[in-house]
Amino acid sequence: MRSITIASATGSIEVLVADAATKTSALPAVFVHGMACAADLWQAQLEQTAQQRTAIAISLPGHGASAPPSNNDYSPAACANALFAVMDALQLESIILVGHSYGSCVALAAAAAQPHRIAKLILVDPPIDCTQCSPEVYEAQMAPMQQAMVGEDWRAVLEQSFRTALTGGTSETQANILARLNRTAKAALIGTGRELFTFQSTAALDKYLASPGAQAHAILAPSNAMPLSLHVLRPALPTTAIPNTSHWLMLDAPEAFAQALEAVL
């Protein structure tokens, strides 16, 4: 596996590349992590996927060794542009795109913007679509959370949110993810976190699936069964559930996740 750095319009992007074990015509798979993580989150998946096809992971702007965006834009659309910069630099015309958590939002933004370049979209435990809740629910639940994230106790608020999302996982996963959270810069955490409240993931999925030949699949943890979950809002979206896992299911159950991913790939 090799690590390279690729320039984008707003800063350098860290990229991990696992070249295919044998010559193949299979489309490469590109992996995008979520908040407070980096490309190395996917190391096990890169190694396994490379047995069949080239596998690539990027660190989003402000995460891992990727530079913070020069314009402070952490939106899914801006991160998707960084992804396209990597694809262009590596001369990838078409890929299978795998996104976890906030990375699912980035993957959806990329798929909606350039659907002809995303042959298949794999969403790993995508966030709920907050834009689909009622104004009353938004004011009662979402707005206070948004305000708390930018208050003086912002880190404690985020840590509590992460601990809740870690429910059902292993102690090793909890230690791993909380350590990553603690070493991620405030700008990256707040910059991505605030976008979760405004990103229209359902609309992005609809736009992508309206493109000829578009394919999408979701791999889910048990907790992802809320009224605003993407697959609940769009029940035609095929899903695979992995039991006894937290939001970071690829860490909690790597073998089960590998089987689910291989089946979809």
C-alpha atoms as a PDB file:
ATOM      1  CA  MET A   1       0.000   0.000   0.000  1.00  0.00           C
ATOM      2  CA  ARG A   2       1.324   3.426  -0.868  1.00  0.00           C
ATOM      3  CA  SER A   3       0.587   6.902   0.409  1.00  0.00           C
ATOM      4  CA  ILE A   4       0.562   9.855  -1.973  1.00  0.00           C
ATOM      5  CA  THR A   5      -0.417  13.504  -1.830  1.00  0.00           C
ATOM      6  CA  ILE A   6      -2.598  15.084  -4.495  1.00  0.00           C
ATOM      7  CA  ALA A   7      -3.238  18.787  -4.965  1.00  0.00           C
ATOM      8  CA  SER A   8      -6.763  20.166  -5.013  1.00  0.00           C
ATOM      9  CA  ALA A   9      -8.066  23.703  -5.489  1.00  0.00           C
ATOM     10  CA  THR A  10      -8.175  24.313  -1.733  1.00  0.00           C
ATOM     11  CA  GLY A  11      -5.282  22.218  -0.420  1.00  0.00           C
ATOM     12  CA  SER A  12      -3.397  18.937  -0.567  1.00  0.00           C
ATOM     13  CA  ILE A  13      -5.238  15.639  -0.126  1.00  0.00           C
ATOM     14  CA  GLU A  14      -3.800  12.506   1.501  1.00  0.00           C
ATOM     15  CA  VAL A  15      -4.501   9.376  -0.527  1.00  0.00           C
ATOM     16  CA  LEU A  16      -3.842   5.700   0.248  1.00  0.00           C
ATOM     17  CA  VAL A  17      -3.646   3.385  -2.757  1.00  0.00           C
ATOM     18  CA  ALA A  18      -3.747  -0.418  -2.666  1.00  0.00           C
ATOM     19  CA  ASP A  19      -3.029  -1.579  -6.192  1.00  0.00           C
ATOM     20  CA  ALA A  20      -4.931  -4.590  -7.488  1.00  0.00           C
ATOM     21  CA  ALA A  21      -3.110  -7.869  -6.775  1.00  0.00           C
ATOM     22  CA  THR A  22      -3.484  -8.936 -10.397  1.00  0.00           C
ATOM     23  CA  LYS A  23      -4.237  -7.178 -13.639  1.00  0.00           C
ATOM     24  CA  THR A  24      -7.974  -6.575 -13.810  1.00  0.00           C
ATOM     25  CA  SER A  25     -10.610  -4.618 -15.678  1.00  0.00           C
ATOM     26  CA  ALA A  26     -12.698  -4.246 -12.509  1.00  0.00           C
ATOM     27  CA  LEU A  27     -13.564  -0.683 -11.609  1.00  0.00           C
ATOM     28  CA  PRO A  28     -11.511   0.785  -8.745  1.00  0.00           C
ATOM     29  CA  ALA A  29     -13.216   1.357  -5.403  1.00  0.00           C
ATOM     30  CA  VAL A  30     -12.731   4.654  -3.584  1.00  0.00           C
ATOM     31  CA  PHE A  31     -13.426   4.915   0.158  1.00  0.00           C
ATOM     32  CA  VAL A  32     -14.395   8.097   2.025  1.00  0.00           C
ATOM     33  CA  HIS A  33     -14.350   8.246   5.845  1.00  0.00           C
ATOM     34  CA  GLY A  34     -16.570  10.226   8.213  1.00  0.00           C
ATOM     35  CA  MET A  35     -16.004  12.919  10.856  1.00  0.00           C
ATOM     36  CA  ALA A  36     -12.803  12.752  12.914  1.00  0.00           C
ATOM     37  CA  CYS A  37     -11.336   9.889  10.896  1.00  0.00           C
ATOM     38  CA  ALA A  38      -8.916   9.603   7.970  1.00  0.00           C
ATOM     39  CA  ALA A  39      -7.979   7.350   5.063  1.00  0.00           C
ATOM     40  CA  ASP A  40      -6.326   4.799   7.352  1.00  0.00           C
ATOM     41  CA  LEU A  41      -9.734   3.935   8.832  1.00  0.00           C
ATOM     42  CA  TRP A  42     -10.192   1.762   5.734  1.00  0.00           C
ATOM     43  CA  GLN A  43      -6.857  -0.083   5.840  1.00  0.00           C
ATOM     44  CA  ALA A  44      -8.388  -3.559   6.281  1.00  0.00           C
ATOM     45  CA  GLN A  45     -10.948  -2.894   3.548  1.00  0.00           C
ATOM     46  CA  LEU A  46      -8.277  -1.567   1.181  1.00  0.00           C
ATOM     47  CA  GLU A  47      -6.196  -4.713   1.615  1.00  0.00           C
ATOM     48  CA  GLN A  48      -9.151  -7.003   1.068  1.00  0.00           C
ATOM     49  CA  THR A  49     -10.624  -5.098  -1.873  1.00  0.00           C
ATOM     50  CA  ALA A  50      -7.231  -4.973  -3.612  1.00  0.00           C
ATOM     51  CA  GLN A  51      -7.435  -8.729  -4.089  1.00  0.00           C
ATOM     52  CA  GLN A  52      -9.966  -8.015  -6.836  1.00  0.00           C
ATOM     53  CA  ARG A  53      -9.529  -4.370  -7.833  1.00  0.00           C
ATOM     54  CA  THR A  54      -7.527  -1.242  -7.063  1.00  0.00           C
ATOM     55  CA  ALA A  55      -8.685   0.276  -3.780  1.00  0.00           C
ATOM     56  CA  ILE A  56      -8.181   3.904  -2.802  1.00  0.00           C
ATOM     57  CA  ALA A  57      -8.999   5.924   0.318  1.00  0.00           C
ATOM     58  CA  ILE A  58      -8.814   9.679   0.741  1.00  0.00           C
ATOM     59  CA  SER A  59      -8.520  11.810   3.848  1.00  0.00           C
ATOM     60  CA  LEU A  60     -11.081  14.605   3.685  1.00  0.00           C
ATOM     61  CA  PRO A  61      -9.835  18.206   3.956  1.00  0.00           C
ATOM     62  CA  GLY A  62      -8.649  18.964   7.477  1.00  0.00           C
ATOM     63  CA  HIS A  63      -8.484  15.269   8.393  1.00  0.00           C
ATOM     64  CA  GLY A  64      -5.475  12.979   8.597  1.00  0.00           C
ATOM     65  CA  ALA A  65      -2.610  14.458   6.598  1.00  0.00           C
ATOM     66  CA  SER A  66      -4.906  16.434   4.268  1.00  0.00           C
ATOM     67  CA  ALA A  67      -4.575  20.210   4.490  1.00  0.00           C
ATOM     68  CA  PRO A  68      -7.449  22.228   5.958  1.00  0.00           C
ATOM     69  CA  PRO A  69      -9.407  23.851   3.133  1.00  0.00           C
ATOM     70  CA  SER A  70      -8.049  27.291   2.337  1.00  0.00           C
ATOM     71  CA  ASN A  71     -11.602  28.637   2.096  1.00  0.00           C
ATOM     72  CA  ASN A  72     -12.797  26.860   5.298  1.00  0.00           C
ATOM     73  CA  ASP A  73     -15.484  25.068   3.285  1.00  0.00           C
ATOM     74  CA  TYR A  74     -16.099  21.572   4.643  1.00  0.00           C
ATOM     75  CA  SER A  75     -19.431  21.052   2.891  1.00  0.00           C
ATOM     76  CA  PRO A  76     -20.165  17.752   1.128  1.00  0.00           C
ATOM     77  CA  ALA A  77     -20.013  19.565  -2.219  1.00  0.00           C
ATOM     78  CA  ALA A  78     -16.583  21.016  -1.444  1.00  0.00           C
ATOM     79  CA  CYS A  79     -15.285  17.656  -0.223  1.00  0.00           C
ATOM     80  CA  ALA A  80     -16.711  16.054  -3.367  1.00  0.00           C
ATOM     81  CA  ASN A  81     -14.621  18.483  -5.407  1.00  0.00           C
ATOM     82  CA  ALA A  82     -11.538  17.257  -3.540  1.00  0.00           C
ATOM     83  CA  LEU A  83     -12.565  13.704  -4.428  1.00  0.00           C
ATOM     84  CA  PHE A  84     -12.890  14.655  -8.091  1.00  0.00           C
ATOM     85  CA  ALA A  85      -9.417  16.241  -7.956  1.00  0.00           C
ATOM     86  CA  VAL A  86      -8.056  12.887  -6.780  1.00  0.00           C
ATOM     87  CA  MET A  87      -9.969  11.021  -9.478  1.00  0.00           C
ATOM     88  CA  ASP A  88      -8.654  13.382 -12.145  1.00  0.00           C
ATOM     89  CA  ALA A  89      -5.071  13.115 -10.911  1.00  0.00           C
ATOM     90  CA  LEU A  90      -5.275   9.309 -10.920  1.00  0.00           C
ATOM     91  CA  GLN A  91      -7.109   9.311 -14.272  1.00  0.00           C
ATOM     92  CA  LEU A  92     -10.149   7.507 -12.892  1.00  0.00           C
ATOM     93  CA  GLU A  93     -13.082   7.999 -15.226  1.00  0.00           C
ATOM     94  CA  SER A  94     -15.501   5.774 -13.316  1.00  0.00           C
ATOM     95  CA  ILE A  95     -15.432   4.265  -9.829  1.00  0.00           C
ATOM     96  CA  ILE A  96     -17.362   2.429  -7.161  1.00  0.00           C
ATOM     97  CA  LEU A  97     -17.718   4.944  -4.332  1.00  0.00           C
ATOM     98  CA  VAL A  98     -17.954   3.875  -0.683  1.00  0.00           C
ATOM     99  CA  GLY A  99     -18.761   6.511   1.941  1.00  0.00           C
ATOM    100  CA  HIS A 100     -19.195   6.135   5.698  1.00  0.00           C
ATOM    101  CA  SER A 101     -21.143   8.559   7.907  1.00  0.00           C
ATOM    102  CA  TYR A 102     -20.235  12.114   6.798  1.00  0.00           C
ATOM    103  CA  GLY A 103     -18.369  10.419   3.966  1.00  0.00           C
ATOM    104  CA  SER A 104     -21.768   9.151   2.800  1.00  0.00           C
ATOM    105  CA  CYS A 105     -22.849  12.775   2.409  1.00  0.00           C
ATOM    106  CA  VAL A 106     -19.695  13.476   0.412  1.00  0.00           C
ATOM    107  CA  ALA A 107     -20.339  10.390  -1.715  1.00  0.00           C
ATOM    108  CA  LEU A 108     -23.941  11.452  -2.313  1.00  0.00           C
ATOM    109  CA  ALA A 109     -22.859  14.968  -3.284  1.00  0.00           C
ATOM    110  CA  ALA A 110     -20.313  13.528  -5.716  1.00  0.00           C
ATOM    111  CA  ALA A 111     -22.808  11.080  -7.193  1.00  0.00           C
ATOM    112  CA  ALA A 112     -25.424  13.795  -7.666  1.00  0.00           C
ATOM    113  CA  ALA A 113     -22.912  16.178  -9.260  1.00  0.00           C
ATOM    114  CA  GLN A 114     -21.267  13.710 -11.665  1.00  0.00           C
ATOM    115  CA  PRO A 115     -23.404  10.557 -11.767  1.00  0.00           C
ATOM    116  CA  HIS A 116     -21.716   9.288 -14.932  1.00  0.00           C
ATOM    117  CA  ARG A 117     -18.481   8.826 -12.951  1.00  0.00           C
ATOM    118  CA  ILE A 118     -20.041   6.856 -10.068  1.00  0.00           C
ATOM    119  CA  ALA A 119     -20.922   3.381 -11.318  1.00  0.00           C
ATOM    120  CA  LYS A 120     -22.113   2.239  -7.898  1.00  0.00           C
ATOM    121  CA  LEU A 121     -22.708   4.048  -4.613  1.00  0.00           C
ATOM    122  CA  ILE A 122     -22.243   2.199  -1.332  1.00  0.00           C
ATOM    123  CA  LEU A 123     -23.415   4.122   1.733  1.00  0.00           C
ATOM    124  CA  VAL A 124     -22.100   2.826   5.061  1.00  0.00           C
ATOM    125  CA  ASP A 125     -24.407   3.818   7.921  1.00  0.00           C
ATOM    126  CA  PRO A 126     -25.354   7.187   6.394  1.00  0.00           C
ATOM    127  CA  PRO A 127     -26.669   9.954   8.678  1.00  0.00           C
ATOM    128  CA  ILE A 128     -30.320  10.858   8.924  1.00  0.00           C
ATOM    129  CA  ASP A 129     -31.617  13.570   6.605  1.00  0.00           C
ATOM    130  CA  CYS A 130     -32.347  16.404   9.019  1.00  0.00           C
ATOM    131  CA  THR A 131     -33.867  18.508   6.233  1.00  0.00           C
ATOM    132  CA  GLN A 132     -36.807  16.093   6.091  1.00  0.00           C
ATOM    133  CA  CYS A 133     -38.041  16.709   9.633  1.00  0.00           C
ATOM    134  CA  SER A 134     -40.904  19.022  10.460  1.00  0.00           C
ATOM    135  CA  PRO A 135     -40.212  22.641  11.461  1.00  0.00           C
ATOM    136  CA  GLU A 136     -41.440  21.850  14.964  1.00  0.00           C
ATOM    137  CA  VAL A 137     -39.037  18.925  15.381  1.00  0.00           C
ATOM    138  CA  TYR A 138     -36.197  20.933  13.890  1.00  0.00           C
ATOM    139  CA  GLU A 139     -36.699  23.771  16.371  1.00  0.00           C
ATOM    140  CA  ALA A 140     -37.148  21.434  19.316  1.00  0.00           C
ATOM    141  CA  GLN A 141     -34.290  18.982  18.616  1.00  0.00           C
ATOM    142  CA  MET A 142     -31.967  20.062  15.800  1.00  0.00           C
ATOM    143  CA  ALA A 143     -31.574  23.779  16.516  1.00  0.00           C
ATOM    144  CA  PRO A 144     -30.480  23.324  20.161  1.00  0.00           C
ATOM    145  CA  MET A 145     -27.903  20.762  19.059  1.00  0.00           C
ATOM    146  CA  GLN A 146     -26.565  23.141  16.424  1.00  0.00           C
ATOM    147  CA  GLN A 147     -26.232  25.896  19.011  1.00  0.00           C
ATOM    148  CA  ALA A 148     -24.509  23.577  21.486  1.00  0.00           C
ATOM    149  CA  MET A 149     -21.935  22.570  18.882  1.00  0.00           C
ATOM    150  CA  VAL A 150     -20.689  26.138  18.578  1.00  0.00           C
ATOM    151  CA  GLY A 151     -20.842  26.936  22.303  1.00  0.00           C
ATOM    152  CA  GLU A 152     -17.955  26.806  24.759  1.00  0.00           C
ATOM    153  CA  ASP A 153     -18.745  23.157  25.579  1.00  0.00           C
ATOM    154  CA  TRP A 154     -18.623  22.117  21.925  1.00  0.00           C
ATOM    155  CA  ARG A 155     -16.085  19.327  22.443  1.00  0.00           C
ATOM    156  CA  ALA A 156     -18.087  17.737  25.261  1.00  0.00           C
ATOM    157  CA  VAL A 157     -21.204  17.907  23.104  1.00  0.00           C
ATOM    158  CA  LEU A 158     -19.441  16.171  20.221  1.00  0.00           C
ATOM    159  CA  GLU A 159     -17.878  13.564  22.488  1.00  0.00           C
ATOM    160  CA  GLN A 160     -21.274  12.691  23.940  1.00  0.00           C
ATOM    161  CA  SER A 161     -22.681  12.381  20.420  1.00  0.00           C
ATOM    162  CA  PHE A 162     -19.813  10.073  19.461  1.00  0.00           C
ATOM    163  CA  ARG A 163     -20.232   7.976  22.600  1.00  0.00           C
ATOM    164  CA  THR A 164     -23.912   7.502  21.760  1.00  0.00           C
ATOM    165  CA  ALA A 165     -22.990   6.430  18.219  1.00  0.00           C
ATOM    166  CA  LEU A 166     -20.445   3.972  19.677  1.00  0.00           C
ATOM    167  CA  THR A 167     -23.190   2.082  21.547  1.00  0.00           C
ATOM    168  CA  GLY A 168     -23.185  -1.570  20.571  1.00  0.00           C
ATOM    169  CA  GLY A 169     -19.560  -1.588  19.494  1.00  0.00           C
ATOM    170  CA  THR A 170     -16.379  -2.988  20.975  1.00  0.00           C
ATOM    171  CA  SER A 171     -14.173  -1.327  23.557  1.00  0.00           C
ATOM    172  CA  GLU A 172     -11.372  -1.279  20.986  1.00  0.00           C
ATOM    173  CA  THR A 173     -13.537   0.651  18.554  1.00  0.00           C
ATOM    174  CA  GLN A 174     -14.526   3.126  21.268  1.00  0.00           C
ATOM    175  CA  ALA A 175     -10.891   3.795  22.222  1.00  0.00           C
ATOM    176  CA  ASN A 176      -9.893   4.135  18.558  1.00  0.00           C
ATOM    177  CA  ILE A 177     -12.649   6.567  17.610  1.00  0.00           C
ATOM    178  CA  LEU A 178     -12.456   8.737  20.739  1.00  0.00           C
ATOM    179  CA  ALA A 179      -8.696   9.059  20.247  1.00  0.00           C
ATOM    180  CA  ARG A 180      -9.281  10.167  16.666  1.00  0.00           C
ATOM    181  CA  LEU A 181     -11.898  12.654  17.853  1.00  0.00           C
ATOM    182  CA  ASN A 182      -9.499  14.161  20.373  1.00  0.00           C
ATOM    183  CA  ARG A 183      -6.764  14.763  17.806  1.00  0.00           C
ATOM    184  CA  THR A 184      -8.993  16.240  15.088  1.00  0.00           C
ATOM    185  CA  ALA A 185      -8.908  20.015  14.775  1.00  0.00           C
ATOM    186  CA  LYS A 186     -11.906  22.051  15.926  1.00  0.00           C
ATOM    187  CA  ALA A 187     -12.376  23.642  12.501  1.00  0.00           C
ATOM    188  CA  ALA A 188     -12.758  20.243  10.839  1.00  0.00           C
ATOM    189  CA  LEU A 189     -15.141  18.938  13.488  1.00  0.00           C
ATOM    190  CA  ILE A 190     -17.389  22.002  13.540  1.00  0.00           C
ATOM    191  CA  GLY A 191     -17.082  22.483   9.783  1.00  0.00           C
ATOM    192  CA  THR A 192     -18.333  18.998   8.993  1.00  0.00           C
ATOM    193  CA  GLY A 193     -20.722  18.723  11.943  1.00  0.00           C
ATOM    194  CA  ARG A 194     -22.789  21.766  11.023  1.00  0.00           C
ATOM    195  CA  GLU A 195     -23.253  20.457   7.479  1.00  0.00           C
ATOM    196  CA  LEU A 196     -25.086  17.390   8.763  1.00  0.00           C
ATOM    197  CA  PHE A 197     -28.063  19.589   9.630  1.00  0.00           C
ATOM    198  CA  THR A 198     -28.451  21.144   6.180  1.00  0.00           C
ATOM    199  CA  PHE A 199     -27.300  18.549   3.651  1.00  0.00           C
ATOM    200  CA  GLN A 200     -30.199  17.233   1.561  1.00  0.00           C
ATOM    201  CA  SER A 201     -29.106  13.611   1.303  1.00  0.00           C
ATOM    202  CA  THR A 202     -32.473  12.310   0.082  1.00  0.00           C
ATOM    203  CA  ALA A 203     -32.539  14.801  -2.779  1.00  0.00           C
ATOM    204  CA  ALA A 204     -28.949  13.912  -3.696  1.00  0.00           C
ATOM    205  CA  LEU A 205     -29.791  10.204  -3.747  1.00  0.00           C
ATOM    206  CA  ASP A 206     -32.866  10.845  -5.894  1.00  0.00           C
ATOM    207  CA  LYS A 207     -30.818  12.876  -8.352  1.00  0.00           C
ATOM    208  CA  TYR A 208     -28.154  10.181  -8.634  1.00  0.00           C
ATOM    209  CA  LEU A 209     -30.639   7.327  -9.051  1.00  0.00           C
ATOM    210  CA  ALA A 210     -32.404   9.229 -11.830  1.00  0.00           C
ATOM    211  CA  SER A 211     -29.239   8.781 -13.907  1.00  0.00           C
ATOM    212  CA  PRO A 212     -29.231   5.769 -16.274  1.00  0.00           C
ATOM    213  CA  GLY A 213     -27.494   2.752 -14.780  1.00  0.00           C
ATOM    214  CA  ALA A 214     -27.057   4.255 -11.319  1.00  0.00           C
ATOM    215  CA  GLN A 215     -26.838   1.723  -8.472  1.00  0.00           C
ATOM    216  CA  ALA A 216     -26.882   2.285  -4.722  1.00  0.00           C
ATOM    217  CA  HIS A 217     -26.746   0.095  -1.621  1.00  0.00           C
ATOM    218  CA  ALA A 218     -26.582   0.818   2.116  1.00  0.00           C
ATOM    219  CA  ILE A 219     -24.707  -1.225   4.742  1.00  0.00           C
ATOM    220  CA  LEU A 220     -26.190  -0.441   8.143  1.00  0.00           C
ATOM    221  CA  ALA A 221     -25.688  -0.779  11.875  1.00  0.00           C
ATOM    222  CA  PRO A 222     -28.751  -1.844  13.928  1.00  0.00           C
ATOM    223  CA  SER A 223     -29.260   1.657  15.344  1.00  0.00           C
ATOM    224  CA  ASN A 224     -29.837   3.136  11.887  1.00  0.00           C
ATOM    225  CA  ALA A 225     -33.582   2.597  11.870  1.00  0.00           C
ATOM    226  CA  MET A 226     -35.008   6.044  12.573  1.00  0.00           C
ATOM    227  CA  PRO A 227     -37.855   7.817  10.740  1.00  0.00           C
ATOM    228  CA  LEU A 228     -35.357  10.087   8.981  1.00  0.00           C
ATOM    229  CA  SER A 229     -32.883   7.337   8.101  1.00  0.00           C
ATOM    230  CA  LEU A 230     -32.148   7.423   4.397  1.00  0.00           C
ATOM    231  CA  HIS A 231     -33.387   3.894   3.685  1.00  0.00           C
ATOM    232  CA  VAL A 232     -36.571   4.580   5.653  1.00  0.00           C
ATOM    233  CA  LEU A 233     -37.236   7.720   3.625  1.00  0.00           C
ATOM    234  CA  ARG A 234     -36.351   5.807   0.447  1.00  0.00           C
ATOM    235  CA  PRO A 235     -37.381   2.180   1.119  1.00  0.00           C
ATOM    236  CA  ALA A 236     -36.408   1.126  -2.413  1.00  0.00           C
ATOM    237  CA  LEU A 237     -32.753   1.568  -1.403  1.00  0.00           C
ATOM    238  CA  PRO A 238     -31.330  -1.961  -0.937  1.00  0.00           C
ATOM    239  CA  THR A 239     -29.742  -2.562   2.460  1.00  0.00           C
ATOM    240  CA  THR A 240     -27.576  -5.007   4.370  1.00  0.00           C
ATOM    241  CA  ALA A 241     -27.609  -4.884   8.173  1.00  0.00           C
ATOM    242  CA  ILE A 242     -24.709  -6.066  10.333  1.00  0.00           C
ATOM    243  CA  PRO A 243     -25.812  -7.012  13.873  1.00  0.00           C
ATOM    244  CA  ASN A 244     -23.988  -6.189  17.096  1.00  0.00           C
ATOM    245  CA  THR A 245     -22.173  -3.180  15.729  1.00  0.00           C
ATOM    246  CA  SER A 246     -21.917   0.532  16.434  1.00  0.00           C
ATOM    247  CA  HIS A 247     -21.850   3.308  13.856  1.00  0.00           C
ATOM    248  CA  TRP A 248     -18.258   2.231  13.053  1.00  0.00           C
ATOM    249  CA  LEU A 249     -19.314  -1.233  11.938  1.00  0.00           C
ATOM    250  CA  MET A 250     -16.218  -1.825   9.794  1.00  0.00           C
ATOM    251  CA  LEU A 251     -14.145  -1.732  12.999  1.00  0.00           C
ATOM    252  CA  ASP A 252     -16.569  -3.692  15.187  1.00  0.00           C
ATOM    253  CA  ALA A 253     -17.129  -6.576  12.772  1.00  0.00           C
ATOM    254  CA  PRO A 254     -14.472  -6.459  10.046  1.00  0.00           C
ATOM    255  CA  GLU A 255     -15.130  -9.970   8.741  1.00  0.00           C
ATOM    256  CA  ALA A 256     -18.902  -9.502   8.507  1.00  0.00           C
ATOM    257  CA  PHE A 257     -18.381  -6.085   6.949  1.00  0.00           C
ATOM    258  CA  ALA A 258     -15.915  -7.535   4.436  1.00  0.00           C
ATOM    259  CA  GLN A 259     -18.466 -10.150   3.406  1.00  0.00           C
ATOM    260  CA  ALA A 260     -21.225  -7.570   3.039  1.00  0.00           C
ATOM    261  CA  LEU A 261     -18.963  -5.237   1.058  1.00  0.00           C
ATOM    262  CA  GLU A 262     -17.688  -8.003  -1.214  1.00  0.00           C
ATOM    263  CA  ALA A 263     -21.257  -9.076  -1.963  1.00  0.00           C
ATOM    264  CA  VAL A 264     -22.196  -5.548  -3.012  1.00  0.00           C
ATOM    265  CA  LEU A 265     -18.973  -4.915  -4.962  1.00  0.00           C
END
